[in-house]
Amino acid sequence: MHLGGTPSWRVGYGSSLAVDFALFIRDTLALSVDTRPHVPSLEPVLPVAVPDGVDRAAIEAEWPGWWDDVLEWAREEVPAQQALTMAPMVETAPALANRPALRAAVAALTVPAARYHAEVSKTFVSSPLPINDVVQSVERELGRPVRPFSLVITQVRVSEPMWEPLTETHVLASHRFTDSNAVVPALHEIISPLA
């Protein structure tokens, strides 16, 4: 996660291992689940692979609630030590306590997911977001410094551009979008009401 800002405002952006892992499970198992918001398939595309003992139908039933937990986790600041046992993709996590099918999928797919993300990370370079420029532009428009605010932008490597505000202080965005010129007006639109 990259951080930008001053003592009065803060914007964190970057990928979330929990979000990436949830999408890996969705795509690897070819789950028929609706993500809210709609999230395109991962890029590069994953081949479908269902490990023995994994119940796709049961996972499809458990996945939407888990997805909500994953997104909530992505917007929270959690100390690294706590993340080792509490992250929603850790077998001991509260998010998996009542989701046995997902817990089995997590156990079966942790190693393949780690390999996939390690391989993707070798060739992927993310551009820095022009956050300071946008904040300065908003301050000029307002004629004053921005009020204190905090914003989280969770980036995902998916096949289509996307910019989806989940809350007024959390956005789910694709790298295809954040690396485009469209990011400046989108940042302006999300920061202005917070300022």
Protein backbone atom coordinates (compact mmCIF):
# COMPACT_ATOMS: atom_id res chain seq x y z
CA MET A 1 0.00 0.00 0.00
CA HIS A 2 1.34 3.42 -0.97
CA LEU A 3 0.53 6.32 1.29
CA GLY A 4 0.27 9.96 0.35
CA GLY A 5 -0.81 12.98 2.26
CA THR A 6 -0.14 15.25 5.18
CA PRO A 7 -1.08 15.06 8.85
CA SER A 8 -4.51 16.42 7.90
CA TRP A 9 -5.31 14.08 4.99
CA ARG A 10 -4.23 10.65 3.90
CA VAL A 11 -4.75 8.50 0.82
CA GLY A 12 -3.62 4.88 0.74
CA TYR A 13 -3.59 2.98 -2.52
CA GLY A 14 -2.36 -0.36 -3.74
CA SER A 15 -3.41 -3.97 -3.93
CA SER A 16 -4.95 -6.01 -1.13
CA LEU A 17 -3.84 -9.60 -0.73
CA ALA A 18 -7.30 -10.49 0.62
CA VAL A 19 -9.12 -8.96 -2.37
CA ASP A 20 -6.67 -10.55 -4.83
CA PHE A 21 -7.10 -13.94 -3.16
CA ALA A 22 -10.91 -13.73 -3.16
CA LEU A 23 -10.90 -12.95 -6.88
CA PHE A 24 -8.40 -15.77 -7.46
CA ILE A 25 -10.80 -18.23 -5.82
CA ARG A 26 -13.74 -16.84 -7.81
CA ASP A 27 -11.93 -17.14 -11.14
CA THR A 28 -10.05 -20.41 -10.53
CA LEU A 29 -13.23 -22.18 -9.47
CA ALA A 30 -15.32 -20.37 -12.13
CA LEU A 31 -17.85 -19.42 -9.49
CA SER A 32 -21.20 -18.06 -10.63
CA VAL A 33 -21.34 -15.23 -8.12
CA ASP A 34 -22.29 -11.61 -8.47
CA THR A 35 -19.73 -9.24 -7.08
CA ARG A 36 -21.12 -5.95 -5.94
CA PRO A 37 -19.79 -3.93 -7.57
CA HIS A 38 -19.17 -5.94 -10.73
CA VAL A 39 -15.51 -6.94 -10.88
CA PRO A 40 -14.19 -8.28 -14.22
CA SER A 41 -12.00 -11.39 -14.37
CA LEU A 42 -8.40 -11.26 -13.24
CA GLU A 43 -5.67 -10.48 -15.72
CA PRO A 44 -3.94 -12.60 -16.80
CA VAL A 45 -6.90 -14.94 -17.08
CA LEU A 46 -6.79 -18.05 -14.92
CA PRO A 47 -7.53 -21.56 -16.12
CA VAL A 48 -10.38 -23.24 -14.28
CA ALA A 49 -9.05 -25.76 -11.75
CA VAL A 50 -11.24 -27.31 -9.07
CA PRO A 51 -9.19 -29.24 -6.47
CA ASP A 52 -10.51 -32.53 -5.13
CA GLY A 53 -12.79 -32.11 -2.15
CA VAL A 54 -13.81 -28.55 -3.03
CA ASP A 55 -17.58 -28.06 -3.19
CA ARG A 56 -18.21 -25.29 -5.75
CA ALA A 57 -21.94 -25.03 -5.00
CA ALA A 58 -21.31 -24.56 -1.28
CA ILE A 59 -18.58 -22.01 -1.99
CA GLU A 60 -20.92 -20.08 -4.28
CA ALA A 61 -23.40 -19.84 -1.40
CA GLU A 62 -20.74 -18.65 1.07
CA TRP A 63 -18.74 -16.38 -1.25
CA PRO A 64 -20.93 -13.20 -1.39
CA GLY A 65 -20.88 -12.70 2.40
CA TRP A 66 -17.16 -13.46 2.46
CA TRP A 67 -16.61 -10.95 -0.36
CA ASP A 68 -18.29 -8.28 1.80
CA ASP A 69 -15.96 -9.20 4.69
CA VAL A 70 -12.94 -9.07 2.36
CA LEU A 71 -13.85 -5.58 1.12
CA GLU A 72 -14.38 -4.37 4.68
CA TRP A 73 -10.97 -5.80 5.62
CA ALA A 74 -9.34 -3.99 2.67
CA ARG A 75 -10.47 -0.58 3.93
CA GLU A 76 -9.32 -1.10 7.54
CA GLU A 77 -5.84 -0.42 8.89
CA VAL A 78 -4.73 -3.58 10.62
CA PRO A 79 -1.37 -4.13 12.34
CA ALA A 80 0.76 -6.69 10.49
CA GLN A 81 0.84 -9.08 13.46
CA GLN A 82 -2.98 -9.13 13.65
CA ALA A 83 -3.24 -9.74 9.90
CA LEU A 84 -1.40 -13.06 10.27
CA THR A 85 -4.39 -14.58 12.07
CA MET A 86 -7.32 -12.31 11.26
CA ALA A 87 -7.08 -11.66 7.51
CA PRO A 88 -10.14 -13.10 5.74
CA MET A 89 -8.03 -15.48 3.65
CA VAL A 90 -6.31 -17.07 6.66
CA GLU A 91 -7.88 -20.37 7.71
CA THR A 92 -8.18 -19.17 11.34
CA ALA A 93 -9.91 -15.89 10.40
CA PRO A 94 -13.31 -15.00 11.85
CA ALA A 95 -14.50 -14.40 8.25
CA LEU A 96 -14.07 -18.13 7.58
CA ALA A 97 -15.36 -19.43 10.94
CA ASN A 98 -18.86 -20.22 9.62
CA ARG A 99 -17.86 -20.86 6.01
CA PRO A 100 -16.45 -24.40 5.90
CA ALA A 101 -16.55 -24.71 2.10
CA LEU A 102 -14.56 -21.51 1.67
CA ARG A 103 -12.15 -22.57 4.41
CA ALA A 104 -11.49 -25.78 2.43
CA ALA A 105 -10.99 -23.76 -0.77
CA VAL A 106 -8.58 -21.41 0.99
CA ALA A 107 -6.56 -24.40 2.23
CA ALA A 108 -6.50 -25.99 -1.23
CA LEU A 109 -5.74 -22.81 -3.18
CA THR A 110 -3.31 -20.84 -1.00
CA VAL A 111 -0.20 -22.21 -2.72
CA PRO A 112 -1.51 -21.86 -6.30
CA ALA A 113 -2.69 -18.31 -5.50
CA ALA A 114 0.72 -17.40 -4.10
CA ARG A 115 2.41 -18.76 -7.24
CA TYR A 116 0.03 -16.83 -9.50
CA HIS A 117 0.54 -13.54 -7.66
CA ALA A 118 4.32 -13.99 -7.48
CA GLU A 119 4.42 -14.57 -11.24
CA VAL A 120 2.17 -11.59 -12.00
CA SER A 121 4.16 -9.34 -9.66
CA LYS A 122 7.38 -10.01 -11.58
CA THR A 123 6.09 -8.26 -14.68
CA PHE A 124 3.73 -5.70 -13.20
CA VAL A 125 4.65 -2.10 -12.47
CA SER A 126 2.02 0.26 -11.12
CA SER A 127 2.13 3.98 -11.80
CA PRO A 128 1.92 6.37 -8.86
CA LEU A 129 -1.41 8.13 -8.56
CA PRO A 130 -1.45 11.94 -8.95
CA ILE A 131 -3.04 12.42 -5.54
CA ASN A 132 -1.05 15.46 -4.42
CA ASP A 133 -1.85 17.26 -7.68
CA VAL A 134 -5.56 16.55 -7.29
CA VAL A 135 -5.63 17.66 -3.65
CA GLN A 136 -3.80 20.88 -4.57
CA SER A 137 -6.32 21.48 -7.37
CA VAL A 138 -9.23 21.00 -4.94
CA GLU A 139 -7.57 23.37 -2.45
CA ARG A 140 -7.21 26.04 -5.15
CA GLU A 141 -10.90 25.64 -6.04
CA LEU A 142 -11.94 25.89 -2.39
CA GLY A 143 -9.54 28.72 -1.59
CA ARG A 144 -8.46 26.89 1.57
CA PRO A 145 -6.67 23.75 2.72
CA VAL A 146 -8.72 20.55 2.57
CA ARG A 147 -10.35 19.32 5.77
CA PRO A 148 -8.85 16.19 7.35
CA PHE A 149 -9.87 13.06 5.44
CA SER A 150 -8.77 9.52 4.81
CA LEU A 151 -9.28 7.62 1.55
CA VAL A 152 -8.40 4.04 0.55
CA ILE A 153 -8.09 2.99 -3.08
CA THR A 154 -7.82 -0.78 -3.45
CA GLN A 155 -6.33 -1.67 -6.82
CA VAL A 156 -7.01 -4.94 -8.63
CA ARG A 157 -5.47 -6.42 -11.78
CA VAL A 158 -8.56 -7.15 -13.83
CA SER A 159 -9.28 -7.31 -17.54
CA GLU A 160 -11.35 -4.12 -17.83
CA PRO A 161 -11.13 -0.57 -16.51
CA MET A 162 -13.14 -0.02 -13.34
CA TRP A 163 -13.53 2.70 -10.69
CA GLU A 164 -16.15 1.78 -8.12
CA PRO A 165 -16.66 3.82 -4.95
CA LEU A 166 -17.69 1.30 -2.26
CA THR A 167 -18.13 3.95 0.42
CA GLU A 168 -17.36 7.66 0.42
CA THR A 169 -13.82 6.80 1.63
CA HIS A 170 -13.09 3.50 -0.18
CA VAL A 171 -12.74 2.87 -3.91
CA LEU A 172 -12.15 -0.41 -5.74
CA ALA A 173 -10.26 0.36 -8.94
CA SER A 174 -8.47 -1.53 -11.68
CA HIS A 175 -4.89 -0.78 -12.62
CA ARG A 176 -6.17 -0.30 -16.16
CA PHE A 177 -8.19 2.64 -14.85
CA THR A 178 -5.67 4.11 -12.40
CA ASP A 179 -2.96 4.04 -15.08
CA SER A 180 -5.21 6.03 -17.46
CA ASN A 181 -5.95 9.74 -17.79
CA ALA A 182 -9.45 9.06 -16.44
CA VAL A 183 -8.05 8.74 -12.92
CA VAL A 184 -7.59 12.50 -12.43
CA PRO A 185 -11.28 13.48 -12.77
CA ALA A 186 -12.29 10.36 -10.80
CA LEU A 187 -9.95 11.31 -7.94
CA HIS A 188 -11.25 14.87 -8.05
CA GLU A 189 -14.83 13.63 -7.80
CA ILE A 190 -14.14 11.40 -4.80
CA ILE A 191 -11.87 13.87 -2.95
CA SER A 192 -13.95 17.04 -3.40
CA PRO A 193 -16.81 16.03 -1.05
CA LEU A 194 -14.27 14.91 1.56
CA ALA A 195 -12.37 18.20 1.39
